[in-house]
Amino acid sequence: MSRSKWKGSFVEKNILNKDHTKLWSRSSTVPESMIGNFVLIHNGKEFKKVLIIREKVGFKFGDFSFTRKYTSKIKSSKVIQTKKKKV
């Protein structure tokens, strides 16, 4: 269920009051006042550096710091080439 429009978007108070660079609040919405700033967003293990641009305003901070590491299911071409040389 989405947030009511009359309440407005959720932004944590300490993000607006201070010039923060490290953010733990992934559920906060990106405000317009942060355009052009670099912020470090916590993904549960480490901080990811993100530049806030106009297109990111209105999205959540958590959308730009992924919590899972993507690993490809396809074998790399180097592994396939070494197997062909040995045969």
Protein backbone atom coordinates (compact mmCIF):
# COMPACT_ATOMS: atom_id res chain seq x y z
CA MET A 1 0.00 0.00 0.00
CA SER A 2 1.36 3.43 -0.90
CA ARG A 3 1.65 6.48 1.33
CA SER A 4 -1.24 8.99 1.40
CA LYS A 5 -0.74 12.01 -0.85
CA TRP A 6 -1.86 14.47 1.82
CA LYS A 7 1.02 13.31 4.06
CA GLY A 8 3.66 14.03 1.43
CA SER A 9 6.81 12.03 0.78
CA PHE A 10 8.76 10.56 3.69
CA VAL A 11 12.13 12.20 4.35
CA GLU A 12 13.91 11.63 7.62
CA LYS A 13 14.35 14.82 9.64
CA ASN A 14 18.11 14.60 10.08
CA ILE A 15 18.61 14.44 6.30
CA LEU A 16 16.95 17.84 5.86
CA ASN A 17 18.52 19.54 8.89
CA LYS A 18 22.17 18.74 8.24
CA ASP A 19 24.47 18.30 5.27
CA HIS A 20 24.71 14.52 5.53
CA THR A 21 27.02 12.42 3.45
CA LYS A 22 26.35 9.04 5.11
CA LEU A 23 22.75 7.79 5.03
CA TRP A 24 21.31 4.72 6.69
CA SER A 25 17.68 5.58 5.86
CA ARG A 26 17.04 3.70 2.60
CA SER A 27 13.28 4.30 2.81
CA SER A 28 13.59 8.11 2.69
CA THR A 29 12.71 9.96 -0.50
CA VAL A 30 15.40 11.98 -2.29
CA PRO A 31 14.63 15.71 -1.75
CA GLU A 32 15.32 18.46 -4.29
CA SER A 33 17.73 20.20 -1.91
CA MET A 34 20.32 17.43 -2.39
CA ILE A 35 20.76 17.81 -6.18
CA GLY A 36 24.44 17.88 -7.13
CA ASN A 37 25.69 16.28 -3.90
CA PHE A 38 27.45 12.97 -3.41
CA VAL A 39 25.99 10.78 -0.65
CA LEU A 40 27.04 7.46 0.79
CA ILE A 41 24.09 5.06 1.09
CA HIS A 42 24.34 2.04 3.37
CA ASN A 43 23.34 -1.28 1.78
CA GLY A 44 23.61 -3.38 4.94
CA LYS A 45 27.30 -4.14 4.61
CA GLU A 46 29.06 -1.12 3.15
CA PHE A 47 28.41 2.38 1.84
CA LYS A 48 27.88 3.01 -1.88
CA LYS A 49 28.75 6.44 -3.32
CA VAL A 50 25.89 7.98 -5.33
CA LEU A 51 25.60 11.33 -7.10
CA ILE A 52 22.14 12.89 -6.71
CA ILE A 53 20.87 14.29 -10.04
CA ARG A 54 17.51 15.76 -11.01
CA GLU A 55 16.18 12.46 -12.39
CA LYS A 56 16.67 10.76 -8.98
CA VAL A 57 14.47 13.22 -7.05
CA GLY A 58 11.31 11.51 -5.77
CA PHE A 59 12.82 8.01 -5.70
CA LYS A 60 13.94 6.23 -2.53
CA PHE A 61 17.60 6.22 -1.49
CA GLY A 62 17.50 2.41 -1.36
CA ASP A 63 16.83 2.22 -5.11
CA PHE A 64 20.41 3.29 -5.84
CA SER A 65 22.29 1.02 -3.44
CA PHE A 66 21.71 -2.65 -4.19
CA THR A 67 21.87 -5.13 -1.32
CA ARG A 68 22.59 -8.23 -3.39
CA LYS A 69 25.55 -9.00 -5.56
CA TYR A 70 24.75 -10.10 -9.10
CA THR A 71 26.69 -13.10 -10.39
CA SER A 72 26.30 -14.21 -13.96
CA LYS A 73 25.07 -17.73 -14.62
CA ILE A 74 26.98 -17.94 -17.91
CA LYS A 75 30.54 -19.24 -17.86
CA SER A 76 33.14 -16.72 -18.88
CA SER A 77 34.78 -17.05 -22.29
CA LYS A 78 38.24 -17.49 -20.69
CA VAL A 79 37.16 -20.72 -18.98
CA ILE A 80 35.74 -22.11 -22.23
CA GLN A 81 38.89 -21.21 -24.20
CA THR A 82 41.24 -22.92 -21.69
CA LYS A 83 39.18 -26.13 -21.83
CA LYS A 84 39.44 -26.22 -25.64
CA LYS A 85 43.22 -25.80 -25.58
CA LYS A 86 43.77 -28.72 -23.18
CA VAL A 87 41.86 -31.20 -25.34
